Structures are given as C-alpha cells and as structure tokens.
Amino acid sequence: MRKHLLLQKAFSELRNSVYKDGALDLRTKELISIAASVLMRCERCTQIHAQRAKKLGATDEMIAEAVNCAMFVAAGSQLSWSDVI
C-alpha cells in the first residue's frame, strides 16, 4: 500500500477513535474542534467542524461562542509580549 494511503487510513482510524460519544458528547467535541481549528488557522477545518456541529444540533450562537473562546485564548497568549520592552 502506498505511503499516503497508509497515512490516510491511520488518520481515519484516529478520527474514528476520537469522534465517538464518551465522557464528552459528539457535539461538544465538534465545538472544541471548531475552537482548535480557529487557533490552528485552518479555515477548511473550521468549516468542516461547524457543519458537523450543526448536524449534531449546535446553533450559530454556540459556534460563535466557540470561536470567541478561541479568540480570547489567542489574545491572552500574547499578553506576555508586553513585558518584552
């Protein structure tokens, strides 16, 4: 099997092991994934996870709050730079 096919298979298996009901439900996991995608600056990832979250009952307001949380973390991570000067 070609290397890229092995990688795709491994990624698919990882996805299947993460995105299943557990201590967190699937909708919560997708909302977390939206925030992580924003922080990783992956627009396509954000779109995919937002679509999945909506299919699981997330509202636009829930998605917006997940994005707001990511923005807050990103902004807070930069505060220490004010100590550089």
Protein backbone atom coordinates (compact mmCIF):
# COMPACT_ATOMS: atom_id res chain seq x y z
CA MET A 1 0.00 0.00 0.00
CA ARG A 2 1.33 3.43 -0.87
CA LYS A 3 2.55 5.61 1.98
CA HIS A 4 -0.11 8.30 1.54
CA LEU A 5 -2.85 5.65 1.65
CA LEU A 6 -1.42 4.29 4.90
CA LEU A 7 -1.38 7.79 6.32
CA GLN A 8 -4.99 8.40 5.26
CA LYS A 9 -6.04 5.10 6.83
CA ALA A 10 -4.24 5.94 10.09
CA PHE A 11 -5.80 9.42 10.17
CA SER A 12 -9.25 7.93 9.58
CA GLU A 13 -8.74 5.45 12.41
CA LEU A 14 -7.61 8.26 14.72
CA ARG A 15 -10.69 10.30 13.79
CA ASN A 16 -12.96 7.34 14.49
CA SER A 17 -11.39 6.77 17.90
CA VAL A 18 -11.72 10.45 18.89
CA TYR A 19 -15.12 11.34 17.43
CA LYS A 20 -17.42 8.99 19.28
CA ASP A 21 -19.53 9.51 22.37
CA GLY A 22 -17.52 9.22 25.53
CA ALA A 23 -17.13 11.49 28.54
CA LEU A 24 -17.91 14.28 26.05
CA ASP A 25 -20.74 14.04 23.54
CA LEU A 26 -20.05 14.47 19.84
CA ARG A 27 -21.48 17.99 19.65
CA THR A 28 -19.17 19.18 22.42
CA LYS A 29 -16.20 17.56 20.69
CA GLU A 30 -17.08 19.34 17.45
CA LEU A 31 -17.37 22.69 19.26
CA ILE A 32 -13.94 22.12 20.80
CA SER A 33 -12.65 21.22 17.34
CA ILE A 34 -14.01 24.48 15.96
CA ALA A 35 -12.05 26.44 18.57
CA ALA A 36 -8.91 24.39 17.92
CA SER A 37 -9.30 24.87 14.16
CA VAL A 38 -9.55 28.64 14.61
CA LEU A 39 -6.38 28.60 16.71
CA MET A 40 -4.62 26.47 14.07
CA ARG A 41 -5.84 28.98 11.44
CA CYS A 42 -7.35 26.22 9.33
CA GLU A 43 -10.38 27.76 7.65
CA ARG A 44 -11.39 24.49 5.94
CA CYS A 45 -11.15 22.60 9.24
CA THR A 46 -13.32 25.24 10.92
CA GLN A 47 -15.94 24.91 8.18
CA ILE A 48 -15.97 21.11 8.38
CA HIS A 49 -16.33 21.04 12.17
CA ALA A 50 -19.00 23.76 12.10
CA GLN A 51 -21.03 21.74 9.57
CA ARG A 52 -20.69 18.62 11.72
CA ALA A 53 -21.61 20.54 14.87
CA LYS A 54 -24.75 21.91 13.19
CA LYS A 55 -25.78 18.40 12.14
CA LEU A 56 -25.47 17.45 15.82
CA GLY A 57 -27.73 20.32 16.91
CA ALA A 58 -25.28 23.15 17.56
CA THR A 59 -26.68 26.60 16.93
CA ASP A 60 -24.93 29.50 15.24
CA GLU A 61 -24.69 31.10 18.67
CA MET A 62 -22.89 28.04 20.10
CA ILE A 63 -20.44 28.06 17.21
CA ALA A 64 -19.85 31.80 17.63
CA GLU A 65 -19.11 31.28 21.33
CA ALA A 66 -16.61 28.52 20.50
CA VAL A 67 -14.88 30.93 18.10
CA ASN A 68 -14.97 33.67 20.77
CA CYS A 69 -13.26 31.34 23.24
CA ALA A 70 -10.51 30.64 20.71
CA MET A 71 -10.08 34.37 20.07
CA PHE A 72 -9.78 35.01 23.81
CA VAL A 73 -7.12 32.32 24.25
CA ALA A 74 -5.22 33.67 21.24
CA ALA A 75 -5.33 37.22 22.60
CA GLY A 76 -4.35 36.15 26.10
CA SER A 77 -1.39 34.20 24.79
CA GLN A 78 0.08 37.46 23.51
CA LEU A 79 -0.13 39.44 26.77
CA SER A 80 3.33 38.37 27.95
CA TRP A 81 4.86 40.16 24.95
CA SER A 82 4.12 43.46 26.69
CA ASP A 83 6.86 42.53 29.20
CA VAL A 84 9.49 42.30 26.44
CA ILE A 85 10.03 46.05 26.18
